Protein backbone atom coordinates (compact mmCIF):
# COMPACT_ATOMS: atom_id res chain seq x y z
CA MET A 1 0.00 0.00 0.00
CA ARG A 2 1.38 3.40 -1.01
CA SER A 3 1.58 6.34 1.35
CA THR A 4 -0.58 9.34 0.53
CA ARG A 5 2.08 11.73 1.79
CA SER A 6 3.73 13.85 -0.87
CA GLN A 7 7.29 13.58 0.47
CA PRO A 8 9.21 10.33 0.81
CA ARG A 9 9.93 9.28 4.37
CA ALA A 10 13.68 9.94 3.96
CA GLN A 11 13.11 13.67 3.35
CA ARG A 12 10.88 14.32 6.36
CA PRO A 13 13.65 14.38 9.02
CA ALA A 14 15.68 16.88 6.98
CA SER A 15 12.64 19.09 6.60
CA ARG A 16 11.97 18.88 10.32
CA GLN A 17 15.61 19.71 11.03
CA LEU A 18 15.44 22.71 8.70
CA ARG A 19 12.33 24.02 10.46
CA THR A 20 14.05 23.59 13.84
CA LEU A 21 17.14 25.46 12.66
CA LEU A 22 15.00 28.22 11.23
CA ALA A 23 13.09 28.55 14.50
CA VAL A 24 16.33 28.74 16.46
CA ALA A 25 17.79 31.29 14.05
CA LEU A 26 14.75 33.49 14.47
CA ALA A 27 14.57 33.04 18.24
CA ILE A 28 18.17 34.03 19.00
CA PRO A 29 17.88 37.67 17.89
CA ALA A 30 14.46 37.96 19.50
CA ALA A 31 15.82 36.63 22.80
CA GLY A 32 18.64 39.13 22.63
CA MET A 33 16.25 42.02 22.13
CA VAL A 34 14.16 41.02 25.10
CA ALA A 35 17.17 40.63 27.36
CA LEU A 36 18.65 44.05 26.58
CA PRO A 37 17.63 46.82 28.96
CA ALA A 38 16.41 50.11 27.58
CA ARG A 39 19.33 52.50 27.62
CA ALA A 40 17.85 55.72 26.32
CA ASN A 41 16.59 58.28 28.79
CA SER A 42 14.09 60.85 27.72
CA PRO A 43 14.87 64.44 28.75
CA LEU A 44 11.14 65.09 28.63
CA LEU A 45 10.33 62.36 31.17
CA ASP A 46 13.47 63.00 33.20
CA SER A 47 12.28 66.58 33.77
CA VAL A 48 9.28 65.23 35.69
CA LYS A 49 11.29 62.51 37.44
CA GLN A 50 13.74 65.08 38.75
CA ASN A 51 11.07 67.65 39.61
CA PRO A 52 8.20 66.09 41.58
CA GLN A 53 6.80 69.59 42.15
CA LEU A 54 6.20 69.86 38.41
CA ALA A 55 4.43 66.50 38.41
CA ARG A 56 2.18 67.58 41.32
CA SER A 57 1.40 70.84 39.56
CA LEU A 58 0.44 69.02 36.36
CA CYS A 59 -1.70 66.59 38.38
CA ASN A 60 -3.54 69.49 40.00
CA ASP A 61 -4.15 71.12 36.62
CA LEU A 62 -5.44 67.84 35.17
CA LYS A 63 -7.69 67.25 38.21
CA ALA A 64 -9.16 70.71 37.69
CA LEU A 65 -9.89 69.83 34.06
CA ASN A 66 -11.50 66.55 35.21
CA ALA A 67 -13.75 68.57 37.52
CA GLN A 68 -14.89 70.52 34.45
CA GLY A 69 -15.70 67.27 32.68
CA LEU A 70 -12.59 67.22 30.50
CA SER A 71 -10.33 64.19 30.14
CA ALA A 72 -6.59 64.45 30.69
CA THR A 73 -6.19 63.33 27.08
CA SER A 74 -8.68 65.83 25.67
CA PRO A 75 -7.41 68.33 23.11
CA GLN A 76 -7.91 71.12 25.68
CA ALA A 77 -5.79 69.32 28.30
CA VAL A 78 -3.04 68.53 25.80
CA ALA A 79 -3.03 72.15 24.59
CA MET A 80 -2.82 73.40 28.18
CA VAL A 81 0.15 71.14 29.00
CA ALA A 82 1.83 72.01 25.70
CA SER A 83 1.53 75.76 26.26
CA ARG A 84 2.60 75.67 29.93
CA GLN A 85 5.57 73.41 29.27
CA GLY A 86 6.59 74.79 25.88
CA LEU A 87 6.00 71.45 24.17
CA ASN A 88 4.52 70.27 20.90
CA LYS A 89 1.27 68.31 20.97
CA THR A 90 2.90 64.89 20.78
CA ASP A 91 5.33 65.58 23.62
CA ALA A 92 2.50 67.05 25.70
CA GLU A 93 0.46 63.85 25.20
CA ILE A 94 3.45 61.71 26.22
CA LEU A 95 4.18 63.84 29.28
CA THR A 96 0.54 63.84 30.36
CA THR A 97 0.30 60.06 30.06
CA TYR A 98 3.51 59.61 32.02
CA VAL A 99 2.52 62.02 34.80
CA VAL A 100 -0.97 60.55 35.18
CA GLY A 101 0.38 57.00 35.22
CA LEU A 102 3.03 57.65 37.87
CA HIS A 103 1.74 60.52 39.96
CA CYS A 104 -2.04 60.81 39.73
CA PRO A 105 -3.69 57.60 38.48
CA GLU A 106 -7.05 58.87 39.74
CA VAL A 107 -7.06 61.44 36.94
CA ARG A 108 -9.09 60.38 33.94
């Protein structure tokens, strides 16, 4: 009785070995990326880390906006942070997210 498999039995181990080698080759760089610590510091985030007073001030401003029904991620909140900190919109969004996450998680 003939096998319905398309490859002869002798080729299957080599194919399996090739797949294993390919998996290992792909896993090694991925493992290296996971194991490496992040080395870049952000001056934007460091400014808040090194100045907790600034973080508290931003939290108070964002809480006040919450009391008015505005989210910390609303365009008005981002514009306020951007203008007070001299930032562009993207950096203001990043800073706001960072400050809320670390210093005032009750802000929404």
